[in-house]
N, C-alpha and C. Protein backbone atom coordinates (compact mmCIF):
# COMPACT_ATOMS: atom_id res chain seq x y z
N MET A 1 17.36 20.71 -9.58
CA MET A 1 17.55 19.02 -8.76
C MET A 1 16.06 19.26 -7.68
N ARG A 2 15.57 17.72 -7.66
CA ARG A 2 14.40 17.37 -6.68
C ARG A 2 14.47 17.86 -5.54
N LYS A 3 14.08 18.71 -4.49
CA LYS A 3 14.32 18.60 -3.16
C LYS A 3 13.96 17.53 -2.57
N LEU A 4 14.60 17.11 -1.53
CA LEU A 4 14.28 15.89 -0.76
C LEU A 4 13.78 16.35 0.70
N PRO A 5 12.58 15.95 1.05
CA PRO A 5 12.61 16.30 2.74
C PRO A 5 13.45 16.16 3.67
N LEU A 6 13.50 16.93 4.57
CA LEU A 6 14.48 17.17 5.61
C LEU A 6 15.30 15.99 6.01
N LEU A 7 14.29 15.22 6.41
CA LEU A 7 14.47 13.92 7.31
C LEU A 7 15.38 13.04 6.30
N LEU A 8 14.96 12.73 5.00
CA LEU A 8 15.61 12.15 3.96
C LEU A 8 16.89 12.81 3.45
N ALA A 9 16.77 13.76 3.09
CA ALA A 9 18.01 14.70 2.73
C ALA A 9 19.24 14.64 3.71
N SER A 10 18.79 14.56 5.10
CA SER A 10 20.03 14.61 6.02
C SER A 10 20.37 13.03 6.17
N THR A 11 19.71 11.95 5.71
CA THR A 11 19.94 10.85 6.01
C THR A 11 21.04 10.39 4.54
N TRP A 12 20.46 11.19 3.47
CA TRP A 12 21.01 11.07 2.25
C TRP A 12 22.51 11.55 2.34
N PHE A 13 22.52 12.64 2.85
CA PHE A 13 24.06 13.21 3.04
C PHE A 13 24.77 12.28 3.87
N ALA A 14 24.34 11.98 5.21
CA ALA A 14 25.03 10.99 6.00
C ALA A 14 25.39 9.52 5.46
N THR A 15 24.70 9.37 4.61
CA THR A 15 25.12 7.74 3.91
C THR A 15 26.09 8.43 3.07
N LEU A 16 26.22 9.18 2.36
CA LEU A 16 27.52 9.68 1.20
C LEU A 16 28.69 9.64 2.02
N ALA A 17 28.29 10.70 3.32
CA ALA A 17 29.83 10.90 3.90
C ALA A 17 30.17 9.40 4.47
N ALA A 18 29.31 8.69 4.92
CA ALA A 18 29.64 7.29 5.62
C ALA A 18 30.43 6.43 4.41
N ALA A 19 29.93 6.51 3.26
CA ALA A 19 30.36 5.83 2.14
C ALA A 19 31.94 6.03 1.80
N ALA A 20 31.84 7.71 1.93
CA ALA A 20 33.39 8.23 1.46
C ALA A 20 34.46 7.69 2.54
N GLU A 21 33.99 7.82 3.65
CA GLU A 21 34.94 7.65 4.91
C GLU A 21 35.44 6.15 5.19
N PHE A 22 34.48 5.32 5.20
CA PHE A 22 34.27 3.92 5.60
C PHE A 22 35.31 3.54 6.74
N SER A 23 34.37 4.33 7.84
CA SER A 23 35.07 4.26 9.21
C SER A 23 34.59 3.11 9.90
N GLY A 24 34.82 2.91 11.34
CA GLY A 24 34.52 2.30 12.20
C GLY A 24 34.80 0.80 12.01
N PRO A 25 34.49 -0.16 12.69
CA PRO A 25 34.85 -1.77 12.68
C PRO A 25 34.44 -2.54 11.60
N ASN A 26 33.62 -1.89 10.43
CA ASN A 26 33.25 -2.51 9.34
C ASN A 26 33.59 -1.97 8.08
N ALA A 27 34.65 -1.15 8.12
CA ALA A 27 35.11 -0.10 7.20
C ALA A 27 35.19 -0.90 5.86
N ASP A 28 35.96 -2.39 6.02
CA ASP A 28 36.38 -3.12 5.14
C ASP A 28 35.14 -3.52 4.41
N VAL A 29 34.06 -4.12 5.02
CA VAL A 29 32.88 -4.46 4.53
C VAL A 29 32.07 -3.23 3.61
N LEU A 30 31.83 -2.27 4.10
CA LEU A 30 31.24 -1.05 3.63
C LEU A 30 32.26 -0.84 2.22
N LYS A 31 33.54 -0.93 2.35
CA LYS A 31 34.47 -0.43 1.15
C LYS A 31 33.94 -1.38 0.06
N ILE A 32 33.97 -2.47 0.40
CA ILE A 32 33.44 -3.80 -0.54
C ILE A 32 32.00 -3.36 -0.85
N ALA A 33 31.43 -3.25 0.07
CA ALA A 33 29.90 -3.16 -0.33
C ALA A 33 29.41 -2.13 -1.75
N TYR A 34 30.16 -0.88 -1.43
CA TYR A 34 30.03 0.18 -2.27
C TYR A 34 31.12 -0.04 -3.74
N SER A 35 31.95 -1.19 -3.63
CA SER A 35 32.69 -1.51 -4.82
C SER A 35 31.83 -1.97 -5.95
N PHE A 36 30.39 -2.72 -5.47
CA PHE A 36 29.80 -3.16 -6.63
C PHE A 36 28.72 -1.88 -6.94
N LYS A 37 28.69 -1.63 -8.34
CA LYS A 37 28.02 -0.53 -8.86
C LYS A 37 26.81 -0.78 -8.39
N ASP A 38 25.95 0.57 -8.27
CA ASP A 38 24.45 0.60 -8.29
C ASP A 38 23.69 0.03 -9.53
N GLY A 39 22.59 -0.27 -9.36
CA GLY A 39 21.67 -0.94 -10.40
C GLY A 39 22.03 -2.05 -10.70
N GLY A 40 22.13 -2.45 -11.92
CA GLY A 40 22.67 -3.98 -12.55
C GLY A 40 21.31 -5.01 -12.69
N GLN A 41 20.46 -4.44 -12.45
CA GLN A 41 18.83 -4.98 -12.47
C GLN A 41 18.82 -5.82 -11.42
N TYR A 42 17.39 -6.09 -10.92
CA TYR A 42 16.94 -6.74 -9.94
C TYR A 42 16.53 -8.06 -10.44
N ASN A 43 16.95 -9.17 -9.89
CA ASN A 43 16.13 -10.56 -10.42
C ASN A 43 14.96 -10.91 -9.61
N GLN A 44 13.86 -10.47 -10.10
CA GLN A 44 12.42 -10.70 -9.41
C GLN A 44 12.28 -11.93 -9.19
N ALA A 45 12.64 -12.47 -10.28
CA ALA A 45 12.06 -14.03 -10.46
C ALA A 45 13.04 -15.07 -9.23
N TRP A 46 14.06 -14.53 -8.57
CA TRP A 46 14.90 -15.13 -7.89
C TRP A 46 15.26 -16.21 -8.36
N LYS A 47 15.76 -16.13 -9.82
CA LYS A 47 16.32 -17.42 -10.14
C LYS A 47 17.94 -17.20 -10.78
N GLY A 48 18.37 -18.41 -10.35
CA GLY A 48 19.90 -18.64 -10.49
C GLY A 48 20.55 -18.05 -9.17
N SER A 49 22.01 -17.45 -9.04
CA SER A 49 22.38 -17.24 -7.80
C SER A 49 22.23 -16.12 -7.16
N GLY A 50 21.85 -15.12 -8.10
CA GLY A 50 21.72 -13.67 -7.56
C GLY A 50 23.05 -13.06 -7.21
N VAL A 51 24.31 -13.62 -7.45
CA VAL A 51 25.52 -12.65 -7.09
C VAL A 51 25.83 -11.78 -8.33
N PRO A 52 26.45 -11.00 -7.90
CA PRO A 52 26.94 -9.56 -8.91
C PRO A 52 28.08 -10.24 -9.85
N GLU A 53 28.70 -11.47 -9.33
CA GLU A 53 29.97 -12.16 -9.94
C GLU A 53 30.29 -13.59 -9.81
N GLU A 54 30.94 -14.13 -10.18
CA GLU A 54 31.21 -15.60 -9.63
C GLU A 54 31.99 -15.41 -8.65
N ILE A 55 31.47 -16.46 -7.79
CA ILE A 55 32.30 -16.92 -6.27
C ILE A 55 33.01 -17.79 -6.32
N THR A 56 34.26 -18.09 -6.07
CA THR A 56 35.06 -18.98 -5.99
C THR A 56 35.71 -19.24 -4.70
N PHE A 57 36.08 -20.28 -4.45
CA PHE A 57 36.87 -20.56 -3.11
C PHE A 57 37.75 -21.75 -3.34
N LYS A 58 39.16 -21.24 -3.13
CA LYS A 58 40.34 -22.48 -3.25
C LYS A 58 40.09 -23.18 -4.41
N GLY A 59 39.53 -22.46 -5.53
CA GLY A 59 40.02 -22.80 -6.85
C GLY A 59 38.52 -23.83 -7.38
N GLU A 60 37.80 -23.71 -6.42
CA GLU A 60 36.20 -24.26 -6.93
C GLU A 60 35.31 -23.15 -6.79
N ARG A 61 34.39 -23.47 -8.07
CA ARG A 61 33.39 -22.51 -8.12
C ARG A 61 32.26 -22.70 -6.97
N ILE A 62 31.72 -21.77 -6.20
CA ILE A 62 30.80 -21.97 -5.44
C ILE A 62 29.55 -21.44 -6.03
N LEU A 63 29.53 -20.26 -6.77
CA LEU A 63 28.27 -19.82 -7.37
C LEU A 63 29.00 -19.10 -8.70
N ALA A 64 27.77 -19.53 -9.60
CA ALA A 64 28.22 -18.77 -10.94
C ALA A 64 27.61 -17.53 -11.00
N ALA A 65 28.06 -16.52 -11.75
CA ALA A 65 27.61 -15.30 -11.59
C ALA A 65 26.07 -15.29 -11.92
N GLY A 66 25.30 -14.43 -11.29
CA GLY A 66 23.76 -14.19 -11.71
C GLY A 66 23.60 -13.81 -12.89
N GLU A 67 22.50 -14.48 -13.58
CA GLU A 67 21.83 -13.87 -14.84
C GLU A 67 20.62 -13.25 -14.48
N GLY A 68 20.25 -12.02 -15.34
CA GLY A 68 19.04 -11.60 -15.02
C GLY A 68 18.97 -10.56 -13.80
N GLY A 69 20.25 -10.22 -13.35
CA GLY A 69 20.36 -9.15 -12.37
C GLY A 69 20.90 -9.95 -10.78
N THR A 70 20.71 -9.29 -9.66
CA THR A 70 21.08 -9.54 -8.46
C THR A 70 19.72 -9.58 -7.59
N TYR A 71 19.81 -10.52 -6.50
CA TYR A 71 18.78 -10.22 -5.46
C TYR A 71 19.62 -10.10 -4.06
N CYS A 72 18.95 -9.98 -2.98
CA CYS A 72 19.46 -9.60 -1.81
C CYS A 72 20.59 -10.65 -1.29
N CYS A 73 20.08 -11.82 -1.07
CA CYS A 73 21.12 -12.58 -0.50
C CYS A 73 22.49 -12.81 -1.09
N GLY A 74 22.11 -12.98 -2.73
CA GLY A 74 22.90 -12.87 -3.46
C GLY A 74 24.23 -11.89 -3.31
N TYR A 75 23.77 -10.66 -3.42
CA TYR A 75 24.61 -9.70 -3.24
C TYR A 75 25.04 -9.75 -1.98
N THR A 76 24.76 -9.77 -0.69
CA THR A 76 25.13 -9.84 0.49
C THR A 76 26.42 -10.95 0.76
N PHE A 77 26.08 -12.08 0.18
CA PHE A 77 27.04 -13.04 0.04
C PHE A 77 28.30 -12.83 -0.47
N ALA A 78 28.04 -12.02 -1.75
CA ALA A 78 29.14 -11.63 -2.14
C ALA A 78 30.19 -10.72 -1.53
N VAL A 79 29.43 -10.17 -0.61
CA VAL A 79 30.35 -9.05 0.26
C VAL A 79 31.08 -9.77 1.33
N VAL A 80 30.09 -10.47 2.09
CA VAL A 80 30.81 -11.40 3.06
C VAL A 80 31.90 -12.27 2.59
N MET A 81 31.58 -12.90 1.45
CA MET A 81 32.87 -13.57 1.01
C MET A 81 34.08 -12.69 0.92
N GLN A 82 34.00 -11.76 0.25
CA GLN A 82 35.11 -10.86 0.09
C GLN A 82 35.78 -10.24 1.26
N ALA A 83 34.93 -10.13 2.29
CA ALA A 83 35.40 -9.54 3.37
C ALA A 83 36.08 -10.59 4.40
N ALA A 84 35.26 -11.71 4.69
CA ALA A 84 35.73 -12.89 5.45
C ALA A 84 36.95 -13.44 4.86
N GLU A 85 37.22 -13.57 3.47
CA GLU A 85 38.53 -13.86 2.86
C GLU A 85 39.88 -12.92 3.15
N ALA A 86 39.23 -11.41 3.07
CA ALA A 86 40.25 -10.59 3.58
C ALA A 86 40.89 -10.55 4.86
N ARG A 87 40.02 -10.72 5.64
CA ARG A 87 40.30 -10.79 7.10
C ARG A 87 41.04 -12.18 7.41
N GLY A 88 41.06 -13.25 6.48
CA GLY A 88 41.78 -14.33 7.16
C GLY A 88 41.03 -15.04 7.73
N LEU A 89 39.30 -15.08 7.52
CA LEU A 89 38.60 -16.11 8.32
C LEU A 89 38.25 -17.22 7.66
N LEU A 90 38.82 -17.38 6.57
CA LEU A 90 38.16 -18.81 5.81
C LEU A 90 39.24 -19.44 5.34
N LYS A 91 40.61 -19.00 5.82
CA LYS A 91 41.86 -19.84 5.55
C LYS A 91 42.04 -21.33 5.99
N ASP A 92 41.17 -21.53 7.08
CA ASP A 92 41.16 -23.01 7.53
C ASP A 92 39.91 -23.60 7.24
N LYS A 93 39.09 -22.79 6.14
CA LYS A 93 37.81 -23.36 5.90
C LYS A 93 37.80 -24.41 4.64
N ALA A 94 37.04 -25.34 4.57
CA ALA A 94 37.01 -26.49 3.47
C ALA A 94 35.99 -26.04 2.44
N VAL A 95 35.97 -26.42 1.47
CA VAL A 95 35.24 -26.04 0.34
C VAL A 95 33.90 -26.27 0.61
N GLU A 96 33.48 -27.77 1.07
CA GLU A 96 32.33 -28.15 1.34
C GLU A 96 31.73 -27.25 2.77
N GLN A 97 32.29 -26.69 3.73
CA GLN A 97 31.81 -25.64 4.38
C GLN A 97 31.29 -24.29 3.87
N ILE A 98 32.04 -24.14 2.74
CA ILE A 98 31.66 -22.71 2.37
C ILE A 98 30.33 -22.99 1.41
N ARG A 99 30.24 -24.26 0.97
CA ARG A 99 29.03 -24.53 0.09
C ARG A 99 27.67 -24.56 1.23
N LYS A 100 27.93 -25.20 2.54
CA LYS A 100 27.01 -25.27 3.33
C LYS A 100 26.86 -23.63 3.93
N PHE A 101 27.78 -23.26 4.02
CA PHE A 101 27.75 -21.66 4.48
C PHE A 101 26.58 -20.87 3.48
N GLN A 102 26.93 -21.02 2.10
CA GLN A 102 26.17 -20.31 1.55
C GLN A 102 24.72 -20.56 1.61
N LYS A 103 24.54 -22.04 1.64
CA LYS A 103 23.04 -22.21 1.45
C LYS A 103 22.20 -21.71 2.77
N GLU A 104 22.90 -22.01 3.88
CA GLU A 104 22.55 -21.45 5.21
C GLU A 104 22.35 -19.86 4.94
N TRP A 105 23.34 -19.35 4.28
CA TRP A 105 22.69 -17.67 4.25
C TRP A 105 21.76 -17.23 3.41
N TYR A 106 21.50 -18.39 2.54
CA TYR A 106 20.38 -18.06 1.52
C TYR A 106 19.06 -18.64 2.28
N GLY A 107 19.12 -19.06 3.42
CA GLY A 107 17.89 -19.75 4.06
C GLY A 107 17.55 -20.94 3.18
N ALA A 108 18.27 -21.96 2.67
CA ALA A 108 18.01 -22.59 1.72
C ALA A 108 18.13 -24.15 2.51
N THR A 109 18.33 -24.28 3.76
CA THR A 109 18.16 -25.23 4.69
C THR A 109 17.29 -25.55 5.50
N ASP A 110 16.99 -26.97 6.12
CA ASP A 110 15.87 -26.70 7.21
C ASP A 110 16.44 -26.11 8.55
N ALA A 111 17.84 -26.25 8.64
CA ALA A 111 18.49 -25.78 9.95
C ALA A 111 18.11 -24.44 10.58
N ASP A 112 17.84 -23.29 9.62
CA ASP A 112 17.20 -22.10 10.15
C ASP A 112 16.72 -21.22 8.95
N LYS A 113 15.61 -20.67 9.12
CA LYS A 113 15.03 -20.05 7.91
C LYS A 113 14.30 -18.46 8.61
N GLU A 114 15.05 -18.35 9.89
CA GLU A 114 14.86 -16.82 10.57
C GLU A 114 15.78 -16.33 10.37
N LYS A 115 16.98 -16.18 11.13
CA LYS A 115 17.97 -15.41 11.23
C LYS A 115 18.96 -15.51 10.24
N LEU A 116 19.00 -16.49 9.09
CA LEU A 116 19.78 -16.73 8.21
C LEU A 116 21.37 -16.33 8.12
N VAL A 117 21.46 -14.99 8.14
CA VAL A 117 23.13 -14.62 8.02
C VAL A 117 23.49 -14.68 9.18
N THR A 118 22.74 -14.17 10.36
CA THR A 118 23.41 -14.37 11.66
C THR A 118 23.71 -15.90 12.02
N PHE A 119 22.69 -16.74 11.67
CA PHE A 119 23.06 -18.41 11.85
C PHE A 119 24.08 -18.66 11.00
N ALA A 120 24.11 -18.49 9.59
CA ALA A 120 25.42 -18.96 8.93
C ALA A 120 26.60 -18.76 9.61
N ALA A 121 26.88 -17.35 9.82
CA ALA A 121 27.97 -16.73 10.32
C ALA A 121 28.56 -17.41 11.59
N LYS A 122 27.82 -17.64 12.49
CA LYS A 122 27.89 -17.95 13.57
C LYS A 122 28.25 -19.67 13.33
N ASN A 123 27.38 -20.38 12.65
CA ASN A 123 27.66 -21.85 12.23
C ASN A 123 29.04 -22.03 11.86
N LEU A 124 29.47 -21.13 10.83
CA LEU A 124 30.97 -21.13 10.42
C LEU A 124 32.03 -20.49 11.13
N ASP A 125 31.54 -19.96 12.10
CA ASP A 125 32.52 -19.35 13.29
C ASP A 125 33.32 -18.42 12.63
N ILE A 126 32.46 -17.64 11.94
CA ILE A 126 33.41 -16.26 11.48
C ILE A 126 32.57 -15.16 11.96
N GLY A 127 31.65 -15.08 12.51
CA GLY A 127 30.70 -13.82 12.91
C GLY A 127 30.19 -14.18 14.16
N ARG A 128 29.26 -13.02 14.62
CA ARG A 128 28.59 -12.98 15.92
C ARG A 128 27.53 -12.20 15.62
N GLU A 129 26.17 -12.74 16.49
CA GLU A 129 25.02 -11.88 16.66
C GLU A 129 25.36 -10.70 17.53
N ILE A 130 24.69 -9.45 17.07
CA ILE A 130 24.71 -8.14 17.64
C ILE A 130 23.58 -7.95 18.18
N PRO A 131 23.30 -7.35 19.23
CA PRO A 131 21.86 -6.90 19.74
C PRO A 131 21.60 -5.69 18.77
N PHE A 132 20.48 -5.59 18.62
CA PHE A 132 19.43 -4.51 17.93
C PHE A 132 20.13 -3.47 18.01
N ASP A 133 20.16 -2.73 19.48
CA ASP A 133 20.55 -1.28 19.73
C ASP A 133 22.09 -1.06 19.52
N GLU A 134 23.03 -2.09 19.37
CA GLU A 134 24.35 -1.87 19.28
C GLU A 134 24.77 -2.40 17.66
N ALA A 135 23.97 -2.26 16.76
CA ALA A 135 24.29 -2.30 15.40
C ALA A 135 25.18 -0.94 14.81
N LYS A 136 26.07 -1.25 14.15
CA LYS A 136 26.88 -0.20 13.49
C LYS A 136 26.88 -0.38 11.84
N PRO A 137 27.41 0.75 11.00
CA PRO A 137 27.35 0.51 9.41
C PRO A 137 28.24 -0.76 8.99
N GLY A 138 27.63 -1.43 8.24
CA GLY A 138 28.63 -2.40 7.95
C GLY A 138 28.11 -3.89 8.32
N ASP A 139 27.53 -3.62 9.49
CA ASP A 139 26.69 -4.99 9.95
C ASP A 139 25.86 -5.57 9.03
N PHE A 140 26.04 -7.11 8.93
CA PHE A 140 24.98 -7.73 8.05
C PHE A 140 23.61 -8.20 8.81
N CYS A 141 22.63 -7.76 7.95
CA CYS A 141 21.27 -7.82 8.87
C CYS A 141 20.26 -8.59 7.79
N GLN A 142 19.53 -9.46 8.52
CA GLN A 142 18.12 -10.28 8.22
C GLN A 142 17.00 -9.57 8.70
N PHE A 143 16.06 -8.74 8.15
CA PHE A 143 14.93 -8.37 8.82
C PHE A 143 13.87 -9.14 7.96
N TRP A 144 12.53 -9.01 8.52
CA TRP A 144 11.48 -9.25 8.06
C TRP A 144 10.26 -8.17 8.16
N ARG A 145 9.36 -8.21 7.13
CA ARG A 145 8.30 -7.24 7.46
C ARG A 145 7.18 -7.99 7.82
N GLY A 146 5.90 -7.91 7.43
CA GLY A 146 4.74 -8.54 7.87
C GLY A 146 4.70 -9.80 6.99
N LYS A 147 5.36 -9.85 5.78
CA LYS A 147 4.99 -11.18 4.97
C LYS A 147 6.38 -11.15 4.17
N SER A 148 7.31 -10.63 3.97
CA SER A 148 8.40 -10.96 3.19
C SER A 148 9.73 -10.38 4.22
N GLY A 149 10.95 -11.04 3.83
CA GLY A 149 12.32 -10.42 4.38
C GLY A 149 13.09 -9.97 3.53
N HIS A 150 14.24 -9.76 4.04
CA HIS A 150 15.57 -9.14 2.97
C HIS A 150 16.46 -9.26 3.73
N SER A 151 17.90 -9.42 3.26
CA SER A 151 19.12 -9.71 3.65
C SER A 151 20.03 -8.34 3.29
N VAL A 152 20.28 -7.72 3.99
CA VAL A 152 21.21 -6.23 3.71
C VAL A 152 22.14 -6.20 4.49
N ILE A 153 22.94 -4.84 4.36
CA ILE A 153 24.07 -4.32 4.71
C ILE A 153 23.66 -3.12 5.54
N PHE A 154 23.74 -3.18 6.95
CA PHE A 154 23.03 -2.05 7.76
C PHE A 154 24.10 -0.84 7.57
N LEU A 155 23.40 0.66 7.34
CA LEU A 155 24.07 1.71 7.21
C LEU A 155 24.04 2.68 8.23
N SER A 156 22.82 2.99 8.84
CA SER A 156 22.11 3.55 9.56
C SER A 156 20.84 3.82 10.23
N TRP A 157 20.52 4.22 11.13
CA TRP A 157 19.15 4.59 11.78
C TRP A 157 18.59 5.64 11.47
N ILE A 158 17.24 5.67 11.20
CA ILE A 158 16.45 6.83 10.90
C ILE A 158 15.83 7.27 12.14
N LYS A 159 15.97 8.32 12.82
CA LYS A 159 15.71 8.82 13.94
C LYS A 159 14.59 9.96 13.94
N GLU A 160 13.38 9.91 14.75
CA GLU A 160 12.72 11.09 14.98
C GLU A 160 12.32 11.11 16.43
N ASN A 161 12.84 12.43 17.05
CA ASN A 161 12.91 12.76 18.51
C ASN A 161 13.42 11.86 19.28
N GLY A 162 14.62 11.41 18.70
CA GLY A 162 15.51 10.28 19.62
C GLY A 162 14.95 8.74 19.24
N GLU A 163 13.85 8.63 18.66
CA GLU A 163 13.54 7.26 18.20
C GLU A 163 13.93 6.63 17.28
N LYS A 164 14.21 5.48 17.15
CA LYS A 164 14.69 4.61 16.13
C LYS A 164 13.30 4.38 15.18
N ILE A 165 12.86 4.99 14.03
CA ILE A 165 11.83 4.66 13.52
C ILE A 165 12.09 3.88 12.18
N GLY A 166 13.39 3.71 11.69
CA GLY A 166 13.59 3.09 10.39
C GLY A 166 15.11 2.73 10.47
N MET A 167 15.51 2.25 9.15
CA MET A 167 16.90 2.20 8.96
C MET A 167 17.27 2.18 7.46
N ARG A 168 18.42 2.70 7.37
CA ARG A 168 19.00 2.61 5.96
C ARG A 168 20.09 1.61 5.71
N TYR A 169 19.74 1.10 4.55
CA TYR A 169 20.53 -0.14 4.07
C TYR A 169 21.14 -0.06 2.76
N ARG A 170 21.88 -1.21 2.53
CA ARG A 170 22.47 -1.32 0.96
C ARG A 170 22.22 -2.70 0.67
N SER A 171 21.50 -3.13 -0.34
CA SER A 171 21.06 -4.44 -0.75
C SER A 171 20.87 -4.34 -2.35
N SER A 172 20.30 -5.30 -2.68
CA SER A 172 19.50 -5.21 -4.10
C SER A 172 18.14 -5.73 -3.94
N GLN A 173 17.36 -4.56 -4.60
CA GLN A 173 15.86 -4.93 -4.36
C GLN A 173 15.29 -4.15 -5.57
N GLY A 174 13.87 -4.46 -5.87
CA GLY A 174 13.58 -3.93 -6.81
C GLY A 174 13.21 -2.48 -7.16
N ALA A 175 13.06 -1.67 -5.71
CA ALA A 175 12.99 -0.39 -5.73
C ALA A 175 14.25 0.69 -6.26
N THR A 176 15.61 -0.24 -6.26
CA THR A 176 16.62 0.34 -6.57
C THR A 176 17.06 -0.32 -8.10
N ASP A 177 15.97 -1.27 -8.61
CA ASP A 177 16.57 -2.10 -9.77
C ASP A 177 17.87 -2.65 -9.76
N GLY A 178 17.99 -3.17 -8.45
CA GLY A 178 19.34 -4.05 -8.06
C GLY A 178 20.05 -3.30 -7.22
N ILE A 179 21.22 -3.47 -7.44
CA ILE A 179 22.11 -3.08 -6.05
C ILE A 179 21.95 -1.28 -5.74
N GLY A 180 21.75 -0.97 -4.43
CA GLY A 180 21.51 0.48 -4.30
C GLY A 180 21.16 0.36 -2.71
N ASP A 181 21.14 1.92 -2.11
CA ASP A 181 20.73 2.03 -0.77
C ASP A 181 19.24 2.31 -0.55
N ARG A 182 18.62 2.14 0.48
CA ARG A 182 17.23 2.10 0.29
C ARG A 182 17.01 2.57 1.89
N THR A 183 15.80 3.08 2.15
CA THR A 183 15.40 3.58 3.51
C THR A 183 14.10 2.66 3.93
N GLU A 184 13.82 2.07 5.24
CA GLU A 184 12.33 1.38 5.26
C GLU A 184 12.41 1.72 6.91
N TYR A 185 11.06 1.64 7.12
CA TYR A 185 10.51 2.20 8.51
C TYR A 185 10.13 0.77 9.38
N PHE A 186 9.90 1.14 10.71
CA PHE A 186 9.46 0.25 11.72
C PHE A 186 7.82 0.47 11.92
N LYS A 187 7.58 1.40 11.37
CA LYS A 187 6.09 2.02 11.56
C LYS A 187 5.35 2.39 10.41
N PRO A 188 4.13 2.28 10.13
CA PRO A 188 3.50 2.75 8.86
C PRO A 188 3.69 4.37 8.73
N VAL A 189 4.88 4.94 8.45
CA VAL A 189 5.10 6.14 8.16
C VAL A 189 5.63 6.49 6.58
N HIS A 190 5.85 7.71 6.30
CA HIS A 190 6.25 8.01 5.20
C HIS A 190 6.00 7.12 4.00
N GLY A 191 4.92 6.53 3.87
CA GLY A 191 4.28 6.18 2.96
C GLY A 191 4.54 4.53 3.03
N GLN A 192 5.31 3.99 3.95
CA GLN A 192 5.45 2.30 3.86
C GLN A 192 4.14 1.73 4.65
N LYS A 193 3.53 0.93 3.81
CA LYS A 193 2.35 0.01 4.12
C LYS A 193 2.61 -1.34 4.85
N ASP A 194 3.94 -1.70 4.66
CA ASP A 194 4.19 -3.07 5.51
C ASP A 194 5.77 -2.60 6.09
N PRO A 195 5.39 -2.21 7.49
CA PRO A 195 6.67 -1.96 7.92
C PRO A 195 7.39 -3.03 8.51
N LEU A 196 8.88 -2.72 8.75
CA LEU A 196 9.87 -3.71 9.52
C LEU A 196 9.16 -4.11 10.64
N ASN A 197 9.87 -5.40 11.15
CA ASN A 197 9.28 -5.98 12.52
C ASN A 197 10.69 -5.72 13.27
N PRO A 198 10.83 -5.03 14.34
CA PRO A 198 12.24 -4.59 15.11
C PRO A 198 12.35 -6.12 15.82
N LYS A 199 11.32 -7.16 16.31
CA LYS A 199 11.60 -7.92 16.80
C LYS A 199 12.25 -9.12 15.90
N ARG A 200 12.00 -8.89 14.53
CA ARG A 200 12.59 -10.12 13.63
C ARG A 200 13.48 -9.20 12.76
N THR A 201 14.47 -8.50 13.35
CA THR A 201 15.59 -7.59 12.61
C THR A 201 16.83 -8.24 13.30
N TYR A 202 17.61 -8.90 12.68
CA TYR A 202 18.48 -9.57 13.01
C TYR A 202 20.29 -9.29 12.60
N PHE A 203 21.18 -8.72 13.40
CA PHE A 203 22.32 -8.45 13.15
C PHE A 203 23.52 -9.22 13.18
N CYS A 204 24.64 -9.13 12.33
CA CYS A 204 25.72 -10.04 12.62
C CYS A 204 26.70 -9.36 12.21
N ARG A 205 27.68 -9.34 12.80
CA ARG A 205 29.09 -8.71 12.45
C ARG A 205 30.08 -9.71 12.23
N LEU A 206 31.17 -9.41 11.52
CA LEU A 206 32.17 -10.51 11.19
C LEU A 206 33.23 -10.47 12.29
N ASN A 207 34.10 -11.71 12.71
CA ASN A 207 35.10 -11.56 13.86
C ASN A 207 36.09 -10.58 13.16
């Protein structure tokens, strides 16, 4: 088996342990996140819904199952809908509210194109923004690099000498050909040419 660098190896085993235990305030979110199998193809064209399965609410279809694979906000939307329904956060919501929530989650409105998941969850009153340093596994996250962004589920920090240099997350992306776990960095280290911007990294936790 190919040997991993020590830093990445320890992160990999920690991620496996977290996935197995599903502990903490977001244990249910993590369990749902890992209920979707890895892979499944990445929809690079961003056509269609991008969700791994049909999303319905109160008997109404919100999104058809994605064709040609998933993409990031489609995957995280599928997870947040399952988690929010299981927690009873949507029982008093109307179908039109959920349709609006989906559009805001995707950044498809003029109301917000920066925080996306945090804005959408706060606007529907089912979640709250979490400070950068207080993020926990299973929080939803929208981050930006220099020119692109990503909707993900936070798994863990990557640290060197006590400093946060990156993060491990679960989402859908080309690097994993669909759903999978990935590590990215806040500095041009470990081969990353377009680092994440910590000042444009936003976390959201469901109520």
